[in-house]
């Protein structure tokens, strides 16, 4: 399936009721092994070698984004050193404030360890929410994980080989619930809101190393 076709189909779906159609189409899109090369070609044609509009973070490419959803191709590296694990934000317990579908694209895939949040009460710093037993899932090629917003705490563990995943993020409704995602320590104590802050900080640091005073790659 081409990216354009996937976007057109997703735009017609009811996000509350068409879950299986979304999963089926995402799996079909994941069989397209030229997604990254086509994305890079189109981005260079449009923006030159600027990386500002092409990357979500230092390890993920935004293939498409609009008001309703974002399509992202993320890369996951094996990691043995602590610095490597922090680069890909492995081992960090966190929640999401958006709905997420992800399918394994290539490689053996990272492992997600999840615990469902058993109480819908908004998370508060320092207060451990009631959680289910943990479940582990390895996102190998063609395997799909679906996460609802604010329903679970999870963390990623590194793959054994370089891997990639294809994700569809459903944006929260504008003007809807204001509850945010949280990061948790190893004992599941909520520590601070928003994992995106950590990703953004690393991304901006990486961009600053490319070329002083510019967001473009060295030429």
N, C-alpha and C. Protein backbone atom coordinates (compact mmCIF):
# COMPACT_ATOMS: atom_id res chain seq x y z
N UNK A 1 0.84 -1.20 0.00
CA UNK A 1 0.00 0.00 0.00
C UNK A 1 0.88 1.25 0.00
N UNK A 2 0.50 2.23 -0.80
CA UNK A 2 1.22 3.50 -0.82
C UNK A 2 0.77 4.37 0.35
N UNK A 3 1.67 5.26 0.77
CA UNK A 3 1.34 6.14 1.89
C UNK A 3 0.12 7.00 1.58
N UNK A 4 0.04 7.51 0.37
CA UNK A 4 -1.09 8.36 -0.02
C UNK A 4 -2.41 7.60 0.12
N UNK A 5 -2.43 6.35 -0.30
CA UNK A 5 -3.64 5.53 -0.19
C UNK A 5 -4.02 5.31 1.27
N UNK A 6 -3.02 5.03 2.10
CA UNK A 6 -3.28 4.83 3.52
C UNK A 6 -3.89 6.08 4.14
N UNK A 7 -3.34 7.23 3.84
CA UNK A 7 -3.86 8.49 4.39
C UNK A 7 -5.31 8.70 3.96
N UNK A 8 -5.60 8.47 2.69
CA UNK A 8 -6.96 8.66 2.19
C UNK A 8 -7.94 7.72 2.90
N UNK A 9 -7.52 6.50 3.15
CA UNK A 9 -8.41 5.54 3.82
C UNK A 9 -8.62 5.91 5.29
N UNK A 10 -7.55 6.28 5.97
CA UNK A 10 -7.66 6.64 7.39
C UNK A 10 -8.58 7.83 7.57
N UNK A 11 -8.55 8.76 6.64
CA UNK A 11 -9.40 9.96 6.74
C UNK A 11 -10.88 9.63 6.68
N UNK A 12 -11.24 8.46 6.18
CA UNK A 12 -12.65 8.09 6.08
C UNK A 12 -13.14 7.26 7.28
N UNK A 13 -12.24 6.86 8.17
CA UNK A 13 -12.60 5.94 9.24
C UNK A 13 -13.12 6.66 10.48
N UNK A 14 -13.95 5.95 11.21
CA UNK A 14 -14.40 6.37 12.53
C UNK A 14 -13.40 5.80 13.54
N UNK A 15 -12.66 6.67 14.21
CA UNK A 15 -11.58 6.21 15.08
C UNK A 15 -12.08 5.42 16.29
N UNK A 16 -13.35 5.56 16.62
CA UNK A 16 -13.90 4.83 17.77
C UNK A 16 -14.39 3.43 17.40
N UNK A 17 -14.73 3.22 16.13
CA UNK A 17 -15.36 1.96 15.76
C UNK A 17 -14.61 1.16 14.69
N UNK A 18 -13.70 1.79 13.96
CA UNK A 18 -13.04 1.12 12.84
C UNK A 18 -11.64 0.65 13.19
N UNK A 19 -11.46 0.18 14.43
CA UNK A 19 -10.13 -0.23 14.88
C UNK A 19 -9.51 -1.32 14.01
N UNK A 20 -10.31 -2.33 13.68
CA UNK A 20 -9.75 -3.44 12.90
C UNK A 20 -9.38 -2.99 11.49
N UNK A 21 -10.16 -2.11 10.89
CA UNK A 21 -9.82 -1.59 9.57
C UNK A 21 -8.50 -0.82 9.62
N UNK A 22 -8.32 -0.05 10.68
CA UNK A 22 -7.08 0.72 10.85
C UNK A 22 -5.89 -0.23 10.98
N UNK A 23 -6.05 -1.27 11.80
CA UNK A 23 -4.98 -2.25 11.99
C UNK A 23 -4.64 -2.95 10.68
N UNK A 24 -5.66 -3.37 9.94
CA UNK A 24 -5.43 -4.06 8.67
C UNK A 24 -4.69 -3.17 7.69
N UNK A 25 -5.09 -1.91 7.60
CA UNK A 25 -4.44 -0.99 6.66
C UNK A 25 -3.01 -0.67 7.09
N UNK A 26 -2.79 -0.52 8.40
CA UNK A 26 -1.43 -0.25 8.88
C UNK A 26 -0.51 -1.42 8.55
N UNK A 27 -1.01 -2.63 8.70
CA UNK A 27 -0.22 -3.80 8.35
C UNK A 27 0.09 -3.84 6.85
N UNK A 28 -0.87 -3.43 6.04
CA UNK A 28 -0.63 -3.36 4.60
C UNK A 28 0.41 -2.30 4.27
N UNK A 29 0.33 -1.16 4.93
CA UNK A 29 1.31 -0.09 4.70
C UNK A 29 2.71 -0.57 5.09
N UNK A 30 2.80 -1.37 6.14
CA UNK A 30 4.10 -1.84 6.63
C UNK A 30 4.78 -2.80 5.66
N UNK A 31 4.06 -3.29 4.65
CA UNK A 31 4.69 -4.14 3.63
C UNK A 31 5.40 -3.31 2.58
N UNK A 32 5.19 -2.00 2.60
CA UNK A 32 5.86 -1.09 1.66
C UNK A 32 7.26 -0.78 2.19
N UNK A 33 8.27 -1.36 1.59
CA UNK A 33 9.64 -1.21 2.08
C UNK A 33 10.35 0.02 1.53
N UNK A 34 9.64 0.87 0.79
CA UNK A 34 10.27 2.08 0.25
C UNK A 34 9.75 3.34 0.94
N UNK A 35 9.08 3.20 2.07
CA UNK A 35 8.49 4.36 2.75
C UNK A 35 9.54 5.41 3.10
N UNK A 36 10.68 4.97 3.65
CA UNK A 36 11.69 5.94 4.07
C UNK A 36 12.34 6.61 2.88
N UNK A 37 12.72 5.86 1.87
CA UNK A 37 13.38 6.46 0.71
C UNK A 37 12.46 7.44 0.00
N UNK A 38 11.17 7.10 -0.12
CA UNK A 38 10.22 8.02 -0.74
C UNK A 38 10.04 9.27 0.11
N UNK A 39 9.99 9.09 1.42
CA UNK A 39 9.84 10.24 2.32
C UNK A 39 11.05 11.17 2.22
N UNK A 40 12.25 10.61 2.23
CA UNK A 40 13.46 11.44 2.16
C UNK A 40 13.54 12.15 0.81
N UNK A 41 13.21 11.46 -0.26
CA UNK A 41 13.23 12.09 -1.58
C UNK A 41 12.26 13.27 -1.64
N UNK A 42 11.03 13.05 -1.18
CA UNK A 42 10.02 14.12 -1.22
C UNK A 42 10.40 15.28 -0.31
N UNK A 43 11.00 14.96 0.85
CA UNK A 43 11.40 16.01 1.78
C UNK A 43 12.52 16.86 1.21
N UNK A 44 13.51 16.22 0.59
CA UNK A 44 14.63 16.96 -0.02
C UNK A 44 14.12 17.82 -1.16
N UNK A 45 13.20 17.29 -1.95
CA UNK A 45 12.64 18.08 -3.05
C UNK A 45 11.91 19.31 -2.53
N UNK A 46 11.25 19.17 -1.39
CA UNK A 46 10.45 20.27 -0.83
C UNK A 46 11.27 21.23 0.02
N UNK A 47 12.12 20.69 0.89
CA UNK A 47 12.80 21.51 1.90
C UNK A 47 14.31 21.55 1.77
N UNK A 48 14.87 20.92 0.73
CA UNK A 48 16.32 20.81 0.68
C UNK A 48 16.79 19.86 1.77
N UNK A 49 17.90 20.20 2.41
CA UNK A 49 18.45 19.31 3.44
C UNK A 49 18.10 19.77 4.84
N UNK A 50 17.09 20.59 4.99
CA UNK A 50 16.62 20.95 6.32
C UNK A 50 15.99 19.74 6.97
N UNK A 51 16.32 19.51 8.23
CA UNK A 51 15.76 18.37 8.96
C UNK A 51 14.60 18.75 9.86
N UNK A 52 14.27 20.03 9.90
CA UNK A 52 13.29 20.52 10.87
C UNK A 52 11.92 19.90 10.68
N UNK A 53 11.47 19.76 9.43
CA UNK A 53 10.11 19.29 9.18
C UNK A 53 10.03 17.79 8.92
N UNK A 54 11.18 17.12 8.92
CA UNK A 54 11.21 15.71 8.57
C UNK A 54 11.26 14.79 9.77
N UNK A 55 11.82 15.26 10.88
CA UNK A 55 12.04 14.41 12.04
C UNK A 55 11.09 14.73 13.17
N UNK A 56 10.64 13.68 13.86
CA UNK A 56 9.91 13.86 15.11
C UNK A 56 10.91 13.93 16.26
N UNK A 57 11.92 13.10 16.19
CA UNK A 57 12.99 13.07 17.19
C UNK A 57 14.25 12.64 16.47
N UNK A 58 15.30 12.38 17.23
CA UNK A 58 16.56 11.97 16.61
C UNK A 58 16.48 10.60 15.97
N UNK A 59 15.42 9.84 16.24
CA UNK A 59 15.34 8.47 15.74
C UNK A 59 14.00 8.16 15.10
N UNK A 60 13.20 9.15 14.77
CA UNK A 60 11.89 8.90 14.17
C UNK A 60 11.58 9.94 13.10
N UNK A 61 11.03 9.47 11.99
CA UNK A 61 10.65 10.33 10.88
C UNK A 61 9.13 10.49 10.84
N UNK A 62 8.68 11.71 10.64
CA UNK A 62 7.25 11.99 10.46
C UNK A 62 6.93 11.85 8.98
N UNK A 63 6.21 10.80 8.62
CA UNK A 63 5.84 10.58 7.22
C UNK A 63 4.67 11.46 6.81
N UNK A 64 3.80 11.77 7.78
CA UNK A 64 2.63 12.62 7.50
C UNK A 64 2.06 13.09 8.82
N UNK A 65 1.58 14.32 8.84
CA UNK A 65 0.86 14.80 10.02
C UNK A 65 -0.22 15.77 9.60
N UNK A 66 -1.32 15.76 10.33
CA UNK A 66 -2.44 16.66 10.09
C UNK A 66 -3.13 16.90 11.43
N UNK A 67 -4.27 17.56 11.41
CA UNK A 67 -4.96 17.86 12.67
C UNK A 67 -5.43 16.60 13.39
N UNK A 68 -5.74 15.54 12.63
CA UNK A 68 -6.34 14.35 13.23
C UNK A 68 -5.33 13.29 13.65
N UNK A 69 -4.25 13.13 12.89
CA UNK A 69 -3.33 12.02 13.18
C UNK A 69 -1.94 12.30 12.62
N UNK A 70 -0.99 11.48 13.08
CA UNK A 70 0.39 11.53 12.61
C UNK A 70 0.84 10.11 12.28
N UNK A 71 1.58 9.97 11.18
CA UNK A 71 2.17 8.69 10.80
C UNK A 71 3.68 8.81 10.98
N UNK A 72 4.26 7.88 11.71
CA UNK A 72 5.66 8.01 12.11
C UNK A 72 6.41 6.70 11.86
N UNK A 73 7.63 6.82 11.35
CA UNK A 73 8.51 5.66 11.17
C UNK A 73 9.66 5.80 12.16
N UNK A 74 9.71 4.92 13.14
CA UNK A 74 10.71 5.03 14.20
C UNK A 74 11.74 3.92 14.12
N UNK A 75 12.97 4.24 14.50
CA UNK A 75 14.05 3.27 14.49
C UNK A 75 14.50 2.98 15.91
N UNK A 76 14.81 1.71 16.15
CA UNK A 76 15.14 1.23 17.49
C UNK A 76 16.43 0.42 17.42
N UNK A 77 17.44 0.88 18.13
CA UNK A 77 18.75 0.25 18.08
C UNK A 77 18.98 -0.65 19.28
N UNK A 78 19.73 -1.74 19.10
CA UNK A 78 20.18 -2.49 20.28
C UNK A 78 20.98 -1.55 21.18
N UNK A 79 20.97 -1.81 22.46
CA UNK A 79 21.65 -0.92 23.40
C UNK A 79 22.23 -1.74 24.55
N UNK A 80 23.49 -1.49 24.84
CA UNK A 80 24.13 -2.14 25.98
C UNK A 80 24.59 -1.12 27.01
N UNK A 81 25.05 0.04 26.55
CA UNK A 81 25.49 1.09 27.45
C UNK A 81 24.31 1.93 27.92
N UNK A 82 24.43 2.52 29.09
CA UNK A 82 23.36 3.35 29.65
C UNK A 82 23.06 4.53 28.75
N UNK A 83 24.10 5.17 28.19
CA UNK A 83 23.88 6.31 27.29
C UNK A 83 23.06 5.90 26.08
N UNK A 84 23.30 4.70 25.57
CA UNK A 84 22.53 4.22 24.43
C UNK A 84 21.07 4.00 24.81
N UNK A 85 20.84 3.47 25.98
CA UNK A 85 19.47 3.22 26.43
C UNK A 85 18.73 4.54 26.64
N UNK A 86 19.42 5.55 27.14
CA UNK A 86 18.79 6.85 27.36
C UNK A 86 18.49 7.55 26.04
N UNK A 87 19.34 7.34 25.03
CA UNK A 87 19.11 7.96 23.72
C UNK A 87 17.76 7.55 23.16
N UNK A 88 17.42 6.28 23.28
CA UNK A 88 16.15 5.77 22.74
C UNK A 88 15.06 5.71 23.81
N UNK A 89 15.35 6.26 24.97
CA UNK A 89 14.40 6.32 26.09
C UNK A 89 13.86 4.94 26.43
N UNK A 90 14.77 3.95 26.42
CA UNK A 90 14.39 2.62 26.90
C UNK A 90 14.25 2.66 28.43
N UNK A 91 13.50 1.71 28.95
CA UNK A 91 13.36 1.50 30.40
C UNK A 91 12.57 2.60 31.12
N UNK A 92 12.03 3.56 30.39
CA UNK A 92 11.30 4.66 31.03
C UNK A 92 9.81 4.33 31.08
N UNK A 93 9.28 4.14 32.27
CA UNK A 93 7.85 3.93 32.43
C UNK A 93 7.10 5.22 32.14
N UNK A 94 6.10 5.15 31.26
CA UNK A 94 5.37 6.35 30.89
C UNK A 94 3.99 5.99 30.35
N UNK A 95 3.13 6.98 30.28
CA UNK A 95 1.81 6.83 29.66
C UNK A 95 1.72 7.76 28.46
N UNK A 96 0.68 7.59 27.66
CA UNK A 96 0.43 8.46 26.50
C UNK A 96 -0.92 9.15 26.65
N UNK A 97 -1.01 10.37 26.14
CA UNK A 97 -2.30 11.07 26.13
C UNK A 97 -2.94 11.02 24.74
N UNK A 98 -2.46 10.11 23.90
CA UNK A 98 -3.03 9.93 22.56
C UNK A 98 -3.19 8.43 22.30
N UNK A 99 -4.05 8.10 21.34
CA UNK A 99 -4.23 6.71 20.93
C UNK A 99 -3.12 6.32 19.97
N UNK A 100 -2.59 5.12 20.11
CA UNK A 100 -1.45 4.69 19.32
C UNK A 100 -1.67 3.31 18.73
N UNK A 101 -1.41 3.20 17.42
CA UNK A 101 -1.29 1.91 16.75
C UNK A 101 0.15 1.80 16.26
N UNK A 102 0.79 0.66 16.49
CA UNK A 102 2.16 0.47 16.01
C UNK A 102 2.29 -0.94 15.45
N UNK A 103 3.04 -1.06 14.35
CA UNK A 103 3.29 -2.36 13.74
C UNK A 103 4.79 -2.50 13.52
N UNK A 104 5.31 -3.71 13.72
CA UNK A 104 6.72 -3.96 13.44
C UNK A 104 6.99 -3.84 11.95
N UNK A 105 8.05 -3.11 11.60
CA UNK A 105 8.35 -2.83 10.19
C UNK A 105 9.53 -3.67 9.71
N UNK A 106 10.59 -3.75 10.51
CA UNK A 106 11.73 -4.59 10.16
C UNK A 106 12.56 -4.84 11.42
N UNK A 107 13.45 -5.83 11.34
CA UNK A 107 14.22 -6.21 12.52
C UNK A 107 13.39 -7.07 13.46
N UNK A 108 13.99 -7.52 14.55
CA UNK A 108 13.25 -8.38 15.48
C UNK A 108 12.27 -7.60 16.34
N UNK A 109 12.45 -6.26 16.44
CA UNK A 109 11.48 -5.42 17.13
C UNK A 109 11.76 -5.24 18.60
N UNK A 110 11.40 -4.06 19.10
CA UNK A 110 11.55 -3.79 20.53
C UNK A 110 10.45 -4.51 21.31
N UNK A 111 10.65 -4.59 22.61
CA UNK A 111 9.66 -5.19 23.51
C UNK A 111 8.98 -4.10 24.32
N UNK A 112 7.66 -4.17 24.40
CA UNK A 112 6.90 -3.25 25.24
C UNK A 112 6.40 -4.01 26.47
N UNK A 113 6.62 -3.44 27.63
CA UNK A 113 6.13 -4.01 28.89
C UNK A 113 5.06 -3.07 29.42
N UNK A 114 3.82 -3.55 29.53
CA UNK A 114 2.70 -2.69 29.90
C UNK A 114 2.02 -3.16 31.18
N UNK A 115 1.46 -2.19 31.89
CA UNK A 115 0.56 -2.44 33.02
C UNK A 115 -0.64 -1.52 32.85
N UNK A 116 -1.83 -2.06 32.87
CA UNK A 116 -3.03 -1.25 32.72
C UNK A 116 -3.28 -0.44 33.99
N UNK A 117 -3.73 0.80 33.82
CA UNK A 117 -4.11 1.65 34.94
C UNK A 117 -5.54 1.30 35.32
N UNK A 118 -5.77 0.88 36.54
CA UNK A 118 -7.06 0.34 36.96
C UNK A 118 -8.00 1.38 37.56
N UNK A 119 -7.55 2.60 37.69
CA UNK A 119 -8.37 3.68 38.26
C UNK A 119 -8.34 4.87 37.32
N UNK A 120 -9.50 5.34 36.82
CA UNK A 120 -9.53 6.45 35.87
C UNK A 120 -9.24 7.82 36.49
N UNK A 121 -9.05 7.86 37.81
CA UNK A 121 -8.75 9.14 38.46
C UNK A 121 -7.47 9.72 37.89
N UNK A 122 -7.43 11.03 37.60
CA UNK A 122 -6.22 11.64 37.05
C UNK A 122 -4.98 11.37 37.91
N UNK A 123 -3.87 11.12 37.24
CA UNK A 123 -2.61 10.84 37.91
C UNK A 123 -2.13 12.07 38.68
N UNK A 124 -1.55 11.83 39.86
CA UNK A 124 -0.95 12.89 40.65
C UNK A 124 0.49 12.53 40.97
N UNK A 125 1.36 13.53 40.96
CA UNK A 125 2.77 13.30 41.26
C UNK A 125 2.93 12.66 42.63
N UNK A 126 3.74 11.60 42.69
CA UNK A 126 4.04 10.95 43.96
C UNK A 126 3.04 9.92 44.42
N UNK A 127 1.91 9.78 43.70
CA UNK A 127 0.86 8.83 44.11
C UNK A 127 0.81 7.68 43.10
N UNK A 128 1.16 6.48 43.55
CA UNK A 128 1.17 5.33 42.65
C UNK A 128 -0.26 4.91 42.32
N UNK A 129 -0.62 4.85 41.04
CA UNK A 129 -1.97 4.40 40.68
C UNK A 129 -2.08 2.88 40.79
N UNK A 130 -3.28 2.34 40.99
CA UNK A 130 -3.44 0.88 40.97
C UNK A 130 -3.19 0.36 39.56
N UNK A 131 -2.37 -0.69 39.46
CA UNK A 131 -1.96 -1.21 38.16
C UNK A 131 -2.20 -2.71 38.08
N UNK A 132 -2.40 -3.21 36.87
CA UNK A 132 -2.54 -4.64 36.64
C UNK A 132 -1.16 -5.30 36.63
N UNK A 133 -1.17 -6.62 36.50
CA UNK A 133 0.09 -7.34 36.30
C UNK A 133 0.68 -6.94 34.95
N UNK A 134 1.99 -7.05 34.82
CA UNK A 134 2.63 -6.63 33.58
C UNK A 134 2.46 -7.66 32.47
N UNK A 135 2.40 -7.15 31.25
CA UNK A 135 2.33 -7.97 30.05
C UNK A 135 3.44 -7.51 29.12
N UNK A 136 4.18 -8.46 28.55
CA UNK A 136 5.26 -8.13 27.61
C UNK A 136 4.84 -8.51 26.20
N UNK A 137 5.22 -7.66 25.24
CA UNK A 137 4.86 -7.90 23.84
C UNK A 137 6.01 -7.45 22.96
N UNK A 138 6.47 -8.33 22.07
CA UNK A 138 7.58 -8.00 21.17
C UNK A 138 7.02 -7.59 19.81
N UNK A 139 7.39 -6.41 19.36
CA UNK A 139 6.82 -5.84 18.13
C UNK A 139 7.65 -6.26 16.91
N UNK A 140 7.56 -7.54 16.59
CA UNK A 140 8.24 -8.05 15.41
C UNK A 140 7.50 -7.66 14.14
N UNK A 141 8.06 -7.95 12.97
CA UNK A 141 7.43 -7.59 11.70
C UNK A 141 6.00 -8.12 11.61
N UNK A 142 5.07 -7.24 11.30
CA UNK A 142 3.67 -7.61 11.15
C UNK A 142 2.90 -7.71 12.44
N UNK A 143 3.57 -7.63 13.58
CA UNK A 143 2.88 -7.65 14.87
C UNK A 143 2.38 -6.25 15.20
N UNK A 144 1.19 -6.17 15.81
CA UNK A 144 0.54 -4.88 16.05
C UNK A 144 0.24 -4.69 17.53
N UNK A 145 0.46 -3.49 18.01
CA UNK A 145 0.04 -3.12 19.35
C UNK A 145 -0.87 -1.90 19.26
N UNK A 146 -1.93 -1.90 20.06
CA UNK A 146 -2.90 -0.80 20.07
C UNK A 146 -3.04 -0.31 21.50
N UNK A 147 -2.74 0.96 21.72
CA UNK A 147 -2.82 1.54 23.06
C UNK A 147 -3.80 2.70 23.07
N UNK A 148 -4.72 2.67 24.02
CA UNK A 148 -5.65 3.77 24.21
C UNK A 148 -5.01 4.84 25.09
N UNK A 149 -5.43 6.09 24.95
CA UNK A 149 -4.81 7.16 25.74
C UNK A 149 -5.08 7.01 27.23
N UNK A 150 -4.02 7.18 28.02
CA UNK A 150 -4.12 7.25 29.49
C UNK A 150 -4.66 5.97 30.11
N UNK A 151 -4.51 4.83 29.42
CA UNK A 151 -5.03 3.56 29.92
C UNK A 151 -3.96 2.66 30.51
N UNK A 152 -2.69 2.94 30.23
CA UNK A 152 -1.65 2.05 30.72
C UNK A 152 -0.32 2.77 30.91
N UNK A 153 0.51 2.15 31.73
CA UNK A 153 1.90 2.57 31.89
C UNK A 153 2.75 1.53 31.17
N UNK A 154 3.69 1.99 30.37
CA UNK A 154 4.51 1.04 29.63
C UNK A 154 5.93 1.55 29.46
N UNK A 155 6.81 0.65 29.08
CA UNK A 155 8.19 1.01 28.76
C UNK A 155 8.66 0.15 27.59
N UNK A 156 9.68 0.62 26.89
CA UNK A 156 10.25 -0.13 25.79
C UNK A 156 11.60 -0.72 26.21
N UNK A 157 11.87 -1.92 25.73
CA UNK A 157 13.16 -2.57 25.91
C UNK A 157 13.80 -2.76 24.54
N UNK A 158 15.12 -2.66 24.44
CA UNK A 158 15.77 -2.65 23.12
C UNK A 158 15.66 -3.98 22.39
N UNK A 159 15.68 -3.92 21.06
CA UNK A 159 15.69 -5.14 20.25
C UNK A 159 17.10 -5.74 20.23
N UNK A 160 17.22 -6.92 19.65
CA UNK A 160 18.53 -7.54 19.50
C UNK A 160 19.23 -7.06 18.24
N UNK A 161 18.46 -6.65 17.23
CA UNK A 161 19.03 -6.12 15.99
C UNK A 161 18.35 -4.80 15.67
N UNK A 162 18.99 -4.00 14.82
CA UNK A 162 18.40 -2.73 14.41
C UNK A 162 17.00 -2.97 13.87
N UNK A 163 16.04 -2.23 14.38
CA UNK A 163 14.63 -2.47 14.04
C UNK A 163 13.92 -1.16 13.73
N UNK A 164 12.75 -1.29 13.15
CA UNK A 164 11.92 -0.11 12.87
C UNK A 164 10.46 -0.47 13.11
N UNK A 165 9.69 0.53 13.48
CA UNK A 165 8.25 0.36 13.67
C UNK A 165 7.51 1.48 12.96
N UNK A 166 6.32 1.18 12.52
CA UNK A 166 5.46 2.15 11.84
C UNK A 166 4.28 2.43 12.75
N UNK A 167 4.05 3.71 13.05
CA UNK A 167 3.05 4.08 14.04
C UNK A 167 2.02 5.05 13.49
N UNK A 168 0.80 4.90 13.96
CA UNK A 168 -0.28 5.86 13.71
C UNK A 168 -0.69 6.43 15.05
N UNK A 169 -0.56 7.74 15.22
CA UNK A 169 -0.92 8.42 16.45
C UNK A 169 -2.20 9.21 16.21
N UNK A 170 -3.24 8.93 16.96
CA UNK A 170 -4.50 9.66 16.86
C UNK A 170 -4.46 10.82 17.85
N UNK A 171 -4.54 12.03 17.36
CA UNK A 171 -4.41 13.18 18.23
C UNK A 171 -5.62 13.34 19.15
N UNK A 172 -5.41 13.79 20.38
CA UNK A 172 -6.54 14.06 21.28
C UNK A 172 -7.42 15.16 20.69
N UNK A 173 -8.74 15.09 20.91
CA UNK A 173 -9.63 16.14 20.40
C UNK A 173 -9.27 17.50 20.97
N UNK A 174 -9.31 18.50 20.14
CA UNK A 174 -9.05 19.86 20.63
C UNK A 174 -10.17 20.29 21.56
N UNK A 175 -9.78 20.89 22.67
CA UNK A 175 -10.78 21.34 23.63
C UNK A 175 -11.35 20.23 24.46
N UNK A 176 -10.76 19.02 24.35
CA UNK A 176 -11.25 17.89 25.13
C UNK A 176 -10.59 17.82 26.49
N UNK A 177 -10.40 16.60 26.98
CA UNK A 177 -9.82 16.40 28.30
C UNK A 177 -8.42 17.00 28.37
N UNK A 178 -8.10 17.58 29.49
CA UNK A 178 -6.81 18.24 29.65
C UNK A 178 -5.81 17.34 30.38
N UNK A 179 -6.19 16.13 30.75
CA UNK A 179 -5.26 15.23 31.44
C UNK A 179 -4.08 14.91 30.52
N UNK A 180 -2.89 14.86 31.10
CA UNK A 180 -1.69 14.69 30.30
C UNK A 180 -1.04 13.34 30.58
N UNK A 181 -0.07 13.01 29.75
CA UNK A 181 0.73 11.80 29.97
C UNK A 181 1.71 12.04 31.11
N UNK A 182 2.24 10.93 31.65
CA UNK A 182 3.16 11.02 32.79
C UNK A 182 4.34 10.09 32.59
N UNK A 183 5.46 10.43 33.23
CA UNK A 183 6.59 9.53 33.38
C UNK A 183 6.62 9.02 34.82
N UNK A 184 7.04 7.77 34.98
CA UNK A 184 7.04 7.10 36.28
C UNK A 184 8.43 6.54 36.55
N UNK A 185 8.80 6.45 37.82
CA UNK A 185 10.09 5.84 38.13
C UNK A 185 9.97 4.32 38.11
N UNK A 186 11.04 3.62 38.49
CA UNK A 186 11.04 2.16 38.40
C UNK A 186 10.04 1.51 39.35
N UNK A 187 9.56 2.27 40.34
CA UNK A 187 8.55 1.77 41.28
C UNK A 187 7.15 2.25 40.93
N UNK A 188 7.00 2.84 39.74
CA UNK A 188 5.72 3.33 39.21
C UNK A 188 5.18 4.53 39.99
N UNK A 189 6.07 5.28 40.59
CA UNK A 189 5.68 6.54 41.21
C UNK A 189 5.68 7.62 40.12
N UNK A 190 4.56 8.32 39.88
CA UNK A 190 4.54 9.40 38.88
C UNK A 190 5.54 10.49 39.27
N UNK A 191 6.44 10.84 38.35
CA UNK A 191 7.48 11.81 38.67
C UNK A 191 7.28 13.16 37.99
N UNK A 192 6.94 13.15 36.70
CA UNK A 192 6.69 14.42 36.02
C UNK A 192 5.80 14.16 34.80
N UNK A 193 5.03 15.14 34.37
CA UNK A 193 4.13 14.96 33.22
C UNK A 193 4.87 15.10 31.90
N UNK A 194 4.49 14.28 30.93
CA UNK A 194 4.93 14.48 29.56
C UNK A 194 6.25 13.87 29.18
N UNK A 195 6.24 12.72 28.47
CA UNK A 195 7.47 12.14 27.95
C UNK A 195 8.02 12.95 26.80
N UNK A 196 7.16 13.68 26.09
CA UNK A 196 7.60 14.43 24.91
C UNK A 196 8.68 15.45 25.26
N UNK A 197 8.66 15.97 26.49
CA UNK A 197 9.66 16.95 26.88
C UNK A 197 11.06 16.35 26.81
N UNK A 198 11.20 15.09 27.23
CA UNK A 198 12.50 14.44 27.20
C UNK A 198 12.93 14.17 25.77
N UNK A 199 12.00 13.71 24.93
CA UNK A 199 12.32 13.47 23.53
C UNK A 199 12.72 14.76 22.83
N UNK A 200 11.95 15.83 23.07
CA UNK A 200 12.23 17.10 22.43
C UNK A 200 13.59 17.65 22.83
N UNK A 201 13.93 17.52 24.10
CA UNK A 201 15.22 18.03 24.57
C UNK A 201 16.37 17.32 23.87
N UNK A 202 16.27 16.00 23.73
CA UNK A 202 17.33 15.25 23.06
C UNK A 202 17.39 15.62 21.59
N UNK A 203 16.24 15.77 20.96
CA UNK A 203 16.17 16.13 19.54
C UNK A 203 16.81 17.48 19.29
N UNK A 204 16.47 18.47 20.11
CA UNK A 204 17.03 19.80 19.92
C UNK A 204 18.54 19.82 20.15
N UNK A 205 19.01 19.02 21.10
CA UNK A 205 20.44 18.93 21.33
C UNK A 205 21.14 18.33 20.11
N UNK A 206 20.52 17.30 19.51
CA UNK A 206 21.09 16.68 18.33
C UNK A 206 21.16 17.65 17.17
N UNK A 207 20.08 18.40 16.95
CA UNK A 207 20.07 19.38 15.87
C UNK A 207 21.15 20.43 16.06
N UNK A 208 21.38 20.83 17.30
CA UNK A 208 22.38 21.87 17.56
C UNK A 208 23.78 21.41 17.20
N UNK A 209 24.00 20.10 17.14
CA UNK A 209 25.32 19.57 16.80
C UNK A 209 25.55 19.49 15.29
N UNK A 210 24.47 19.61 14.52
CA UNK A 210 24.61 19.46 13.08
C UNK A 210 25.36 20.63 12.45
N UNK A 211 24.94 21.84 12.82
CA UNK A 211 25.58 23.03 12.26
C UNK A 211 25.22 24.22 13.13
N UNK A 212 26.19 24.92 13.69
CA UNK A 212 25.88 26.05 14.57
C UNK A 212 24.99 27.07 13.88
N UNK A 213 23.91 27.43 14.56
CA UNK A 213 23.01 28.46 14.06
C UNK A 213 22.12 28.03 12.94
N UNK A 214 22.03 26.71 12.70
CA UNK A 214 21.22 26.23 11.58
C UNK A 214 20.61 24.90 11.94
N UNK A 215 19.44 24.59 11.30
CA UNK A 215 18.84 23.27 11.50
C UNK A 215 19.08 22.38 10.29
N UNK A 216 20.06 22.75 9.46
CA UNK A 216 20.35 21.98 8.27
C UNK A 216 21.54 21.06 8.48
N UNK A 217 21.59 20.01 7.70
CA UNK A 217 22.71 19.10 7.76
C UNK A 217 23.94 19.76 7.16
N UNK A 218 25.14 19.40 7.62
CA UNK A 218 26.36 19.94 7.04
C UNK A 218 26.43 19.59 5.56
N UNK A 219 27.00 20.48 4.77
CA UNK A 219 27.09 20.26 3.33
C UNK A 219 28.54 20.08 2.90
